[in-house]
Each structure stands twice: as C-alpha cells, then as structure tokens.
N, C-alpha and C. Protein backbone atom coordinates (compact mmCIF):
# COMPACT_ATOMS: atom_id res chain seq x y z
N MET A 1 10.52 0.61 -9.68
CA MET A 1 9.50 0.31 -10.67
C MET A 1 8.32 1.26 -10.43
N ASN A 2 7.92 1.96 -11.48
CA ASN A 2 6.76 2.84 -11.36
C ASN A 2 5.53 2.14 -11.94
N LYS A 3 4.41 2.84 -11.97
CA LYS A 3 3.16 2.23 -12.42
C LYS A 3 3.25 1.76 -13.87
N ALA A 4 3.85 2.54 -14.74
CA ALA A 4 3.98 2.16 -16.15
C ALA A 4 4.83 0.90 -16.30
N ASP A 5 5.92 0.82 -15.52
CA ASP A 5 6.76 -0.38 -15.55
C ASP A 5 6.00 -1.60 -15.04
N LEU A 6 5.21 -1.40 -13.99
CA LEU A 6 4.41 -2.49 -13.45
C LEU A 6 3.40 -2.99 -14.48
N ILE A 7 2.73 -2.08 -15.16
CA ILE A 7 1.76 -2.45 -16.19
C ILE A 7 2.45 -3.24 -17.30
N SER A 8 3.61 -2.78 -17.74
CA SER A 8 4.35 -3.49 -18.79
C SER A 8 4.76 -4.88 -18.32
N ALA A 9 5.21 -5.00 -17.08
CA ALA A 9 5.63 -6.30 -16.56
C ALA A 9 4.46 -7.26 -16.44
N ILE A 10 3.32 -6.76 -15.98
CA ILE A 10 2.12 -7.60 -15.87
C ILE A 10 1.66 -8.04 -17.24
N ALA A 11 1.69 -7.14 -18.21
CA ALA A 11 1.29 -7.49 -19.58
C ALA A 11 2.21 -8.58 -20.13
N ALA A 12 3.51 -8.45 -19.92
CA ALA A 12 4.46 -9.44 -20.42
C ALA A 12 4.29 -10.79 -19.72
N GLU A 13 4.09 -10.77 -18.42
CA GLU A 13 3.98 -12.01 -17.63
C GLU A 13 2.68 -12.75 -17.89
N SER A 14 1.59 -12.00 -18.08
CA SER A 14 0.28 -12.64 -18.20
C SER A 14 -0.18 -12.86 -19.64
N GLY A 15 0.47 -12.21 -20.58
CA GLY A 15 0.03 -12.33 -21.96
C GLY A 15 -1.10 -11.37 -22.31
N LEU A 16 -1.46 -10.49 -21.39
CA LEU A 16 -2.48 -9.48 -21.66
C LEU A 16 -1.86 -8.34 -22.45
N ASN A 17 -2.72 -7.58 -23.14
CA ASN A 17 -2.17 -6.37 -23.76
C ASN A 17 -2.06 -5.30 -22.67
N LYS A 18 -1.35 -4.23 -22.97
CA LYS A 18 -1.09 -3.20 -21.95
C LYS A 18 -2.37 -2.51 -21.48
N ALA A 19 -3.34 -2.35 -22.37
CA ALA A 19 -4.60 -1.71 -21.97
C ALA A 19 -5.33 -2.55 -20.93
N ASP A 20 -5.37 -3.87 -21.14
CA ASP A 20 -6.04 -4.75 -20.18
C ASP A 20 -5.24 -4.83 -18.87
N ALA A 21 -3.91 -4.84 -18.97
CA ALA A 21 -3.08 -4.86 -17.77
C ALA A 21 -3.28 -3.58 -16.97
N LYS A 22 -3.41 -2.43 -17.65
CA LYS A 22 -3.66 -1.16 -16.96
C LYS A 22 -5.00 -1.20 -16.25
N LYS A 23 -6.02 -1.74 -16.90
CA LYS A 23 -7.34 -1.86 -16.26
C LYS A 23 -7.25 -2.74 -15.02
N ALA A 24 -6.48 -3.83 -15.11
CA ALA A 24 -6.34 -4.74 -13.97
C ALA A 24 -5.63 -4.05 -12.80
N VAL A 25 -4.56 -3.33 -13.08
CA VAL A 25 -3.82 -2.63 -12.02
C VAL A 25 -4.71 -1.54 -11.40
N ASP A 26 -5.39 -0.77 -12.23
CA ASP A 26 -6.28 0.28 -11.72
C ASP A 26 -7.41 -0.30 -10.88
N ALA A 27 -7.97 -1.43 -11.32
CA ALA A 27 -9.05 -2.08 -10.57
C ALA A 27 -8.54 -2.60 -9.23
N PHE A 28 -7.34 -3.16 -9.22
CA PHE A 28 -6.76 -3.66 -7.97
C PHE A 28 -6.56 -2.51 -6.98
N VAL A 29 -5.96 -1.43 -7.45
CA VAL A 29 -5.70 -0.28 -6.57
C VAL A 29 -7.01 0.31 -6.05
N ALA A 30 -8.00 0.45 -6.91
CA ALA A 30 -9.29 1.01 -6.50
C ALA A 30 -9.98 0.11 -5.49
N THR A 31 -9.93 -1.20 -5.70
CA THR A 31 -10.59 -2.14 -4.80
C THR A 31 -9.91 -2.17 -3.43
N VAL A 32 -8.59 -2.19 -3.40
CA VAL A 32 -7.87 -2.17 -2.12
C VAL A 32 -8.13 -0.86 -1.39
N THR A 33 -8.11 0.25 -2.12
CA THR A 33 -8.36 1.56 -1.51
C THR A 33 -9.75 1.61 -0.90
N LYS A 34 -10.74 1.14 -1.63
CA LYS A 34 -12.12 1.15 -1.14
C LYS A 34 -12.26 0.29 0.11
N ALA A 35 -11.65 -0.89 0.10
CA ALA A 35 -11.72 -1.78 1.26
C ALA A 35 -11.06 -1.15 2.48
N LEU A 36 -9.91 -0.51 2.30
CA LEU A 36 -9.23 0.13 3.43
C LEU A 36 -10.02 1.31 3.96
N LYS A 37 -10.66 2.08 3.07
CA LYS A 37 -11.50 3.20 3.52
C LYS A 37 -12.65 2.70 4.38
N GLU A 38 -13.16 1.51 4.08
CA GLU A 38 -14.27 0.94 4.83
C GLU A 38 -13.81 0.23 6.11
N GLY A 39 -12.50 0.22 6.34
CA GLY A 39 -11.97 -0.39 7.56
C GLY A 39 -11.67 -1.87 7.44
N ASP A 40 -11.75 -2.43 6.24
CA ASP A 40 -11.47 -3.85 6.04
C ASP A 40 -9.98 -4.09 5.85
N LYS A 41 -9.59 -5.35 6.01
CA LYS A 41 -8.24 -5.80 5.70
C LYS A 41 -8.29 -6.48 4.34
N VAL A 42 -7.20 -6.42 3.60
CA VAL A 42 -7.08 -7.15 2.34
C VAL A 42 -5.90 -8.10 2.48
N SER A 43 -6.20 -9.40 2.50
CA SER A 43 -5.16 -10.42 2.67
C SER A 43 -4.98 -11.20 1.39
N LEU A 44 -3.76 -11.25 0.92
CA LEU A 44 -3.41 -12.06 -0.24
C LEU A 44 -2.43 -13.12 0.27
N ILE A 45 -2.93 -14.34 0.42
CA ILE A 45 -2.13 -15.41 1.01
C ILE A 45 -0.82 -15.55 0.24
N GLY A 46 0.28 -15.55 0.96
CA GLY A 46 1.60 -15.68 0.37
C GLY A 46 2.22 -14.35 -0.02
N PHE A 47 1.39 -13.33 -0.27
CA PHE A 47 1.92 -12.02 -0.65
C PHE A 47 1.98 -11.09 0.54
N GLY A 48 0.83 -10.88 1.20
CA GLY A 48 0.82 -10.01 2.36
C GLY A 48 -0.56 -9.48 2.67
N THR A 49 -0.61 -8.60 3.67
CA THR A 49 -1.88 -8.05 4.14
C THR A 49 -1.80 -6.52 4.18
N PHE A 50 -2.81 -5.89 3.58
CA PHE A 50 -2.97 -4.44 3.65
C PHE A 50 -3.99 -4.17 4.74
N SER A 51 -3.70 -3.20 5.60
CA SER A 51 -4.64 -2.84 6.67
C SER A 51 -4.49 -1.36 6.99
N VAL A 52 -5.37 -0.88 7.86
CA VAL A 52 -5.32 0.51 8.30
C VAL A 52 -4.98 0.51 9.78
N THR A 53 -4.05 1.35 10.15
CA THR A 53 -3.68 1.51 11.55
C THR A 53 -3.96 2.95 11.97
N GLU A 54 -4.32 3.11 13.22
CA GLU A 54 -4.60 4.45 13.73
C GLU A 54 -3.42 4.94 14.55
N ARG A 55 -2.95 6.12 14.24
CA ARG A 55 -1.88 6.74 15.00
C ARG A 55 -2.50 7.77 15.93
N SER A 56 -2.19 7.68 17.20
CA SER A 56 -2.77 8.60 18.17
C SER A 56 -2.10 9.96 18.08
N ALA A 57 -2.77 10.96 18.61
CA ALA A 57 -2.21 12.32 18.66
C ALA A 57 -1.01 12.31 19.60
N ARG A 58 -0.03 13.11 19.27
CA ARG A 58 1.17 13.16 20.10
C ARG A 58 1.84 14.52 19.94
N THR A 59 2.81 14.79 20.78
CA THR A 59 3.57 16.02 20.65
C THR A 59 4.92 15.68 20.03
N GLY A 60 5.42 16.61 19.23
CA GLY A 60 6.71 16.43 18.58
C GLY A 60 7.51 17.71 18.69
N ILE A 61 8.68 17.68 18.10
CA ILE A 61 9.55 18.86 18.12
C ILE A 61 9.91 19.23 16.69
N ASN A 62 9.71 20.50 16.36
CA ASN A 62 10.12 21.00 15.05
C ASN A 62 11.65 21.06 15.06
N PRO A 63 12.32 20.29 14.19
CA PRO A 63 13.78 20.26 14.24
C PRO A 63 14.45 21.58 13.88
N ALA A 64 13.79 22.41 13.11
CA ALA A 64 14.39 23.68 12.70
C ALA A 64 14.35 24.71 13.83
N THR A 65 13.20 24.77 14.54
CA THR A 65 13.04 25.79 15.57
C THR A 65 13.10 25.24 16.99
N LYS A 66 13.08 23.95 17.13
CA LYS A 66 13.06 23.26 18.43
C LYS A 66 11.79 23.54 19.22
N ALA A 67 10.78 24.08 18.55
CA ALA A 67 9.51 24.37 19.21
C ALA A 67 8.68 23.08 19.30
N THR A 68 7.92 22.95 20.37
CA THR A 68 7.03 21.82 20.55
C THR A 68 5.80 22.01 19.67
N ILE A 69 5.42 20.97 18.95
CA ILE A 69 4.24 21.04 18.08
C ILE A 69 3.31 19.88 18.42
N SER A 70 2.05 20.07 18.10
CA SER A 70 1.05 19.03 18.31
C SER A 70 0.82 18.31 16.99
N ILE A 71 0.97 16.99 16.99
CA ILE A 71 0.75 16.18 15.80
C ILE A 71 -0.61 15.50 15.97
N PRO A 72 -1.56 15.77 15.07
CA PRO A 72 -2.90 15.22 15.24
C PRO A 72 -2.96 13.71 14.96
N ALA A 73 -4.00 13.07 15.47
CA ALA A 73 -4.23 11.65 15.21
C ALA A 73 -4.56 11.46 13.73
N LYS A 74 -4.22 10.30 13.20
CA LYS A 74 -4.57 10.03 11.81
C LYS A 74 -4.57 8.53 11.55
N LYS A 75 -5.13 8.17 10.43
CA LYS A 75 -5.13 6.78 9.99
C LYS A 75 -4.07 6.64 8.91
N ALA A 76 -3.39 5.49 8.89
CA ALA A 76 -2.34 5.26 7.90
C ALA A 76 -2.48 3.84 7.35
N ALA A 77 -2.16 3.69 6.08
CA ALA A 77 -2.17 2.37 5.45
C ALA A 77 -0.92 1.61 5.89
N LYS A 78 -1.07 0.32 6.04
CA LYS A 78 0.03 -0.52 6.50
C LYS A 78 0.06 -1.78 5.63
N PHE A 79 1.25 -2.27 5.33
CA PHE A 79 1.41 -3.52 4.58
C PHE A 79 2.34 -4.43 5.35
N LYS A 80 1.89 -5.65 5.58
CA LYS A 80 2.73 -6.65 6.23
C LYS A 80 2.97 -7.77 5.23
N PRO A 81 4.22 -7.99 4.82
CA PRO A 81 4.49 -9.03 3.83
C PRO A 81 4.20 -10.42 4.38
N GLY A 82 3.74 -11.29 3.48
CA GLY A 82 3.49 -12.67 3.84
C GLY A 82 4.79 -13.46 3.88
N ALA A 83 4.73 -14.67 4.38
CA ALA A 83 5.92 -15.51 4.55
C ALA A 83 6.58 -15.82 3.21
N GLU A 84 5.79 -16.14 2.20
CA GLU A 84 6.37 -16.48 0.89
C GLU A 84 7.09 -15.29 0.27
N LEU A 85 6.51 -14.11 0.38
CA LEU A 85 7.16 -12.90 -0.15
C LEU A 85 8.44 -12.60 0.62
N ALA A 86 8.37 -12.70 1.94
CA ALA A 86 9.54 -12.43 2.76
C ALA A 86 10.68 -13.41 2.44
N ASP A 87 10.33 -14.68 2.23
CA ASP A 87 11.35 -15.68 1.89
C ASP A 87 11.91 -15.45 0.50
N ALA A 88 11.08 -14.99 -0.42
CA ALA A 88 11.51 -14.78 -1.82
C ALA A 88 12.52 -13.65 -1.95
N ILE A 89 12.46 -12.66 -1.07
CA ILE A 89 13.36 -11.51 -1.21
C ILE A 89 14.61 -11.61 -0.34
N LYS A 90 14.73 -12.68 0.40
CA LYS A 90 15.93 -12.85 1.24
C LYS A 90 17.15 -13.11 0.40
C-alpha cells in the first residue's frame, strides 16, 4: 500500500473526502516527524510506538572489495508494534 492507497482507504473508512484524508495523513506524518526530531516518543496505545534510536559508529567490510570501512554513528527511526496490532496480524 502506498500513500495514495492509504489516503483512499482512510477516506473510505472514515467518510472523509480524499482531500481531507490527505490533509490528515500529511498532518500525522509531519507531527510524528517533528516529535522524533525533537527526541520525543510517539505512542499510540494498541497500535505501537515510534521512537529514535542511536546507532554507534562501527567498522564494516565492503562486500565488493573486502576493504574495511568506517560506518559513522547515526540516529534511526524505530517502530515497535503494540500488542493489539501484533495480535491482529497473527
């Protein structure tokens, strides 16, 4: 499912028109992104939790050349599904 499919599904499920559903999806994505940039967690009870995790710097191996490379530290977004979501997809 891509963003357009998600907007159509939300519009059908909620009774909103597609323009309002698009605004809702865009607002959700922007709000979650802003919260994660600020270091906050976003918890949706029953659905899951979005958070930021820090990956430390490490060394790796380039598979093509077998040369050792340095991989810098970075932050990554993480999603942990809630119990209800996990049970629903079993």
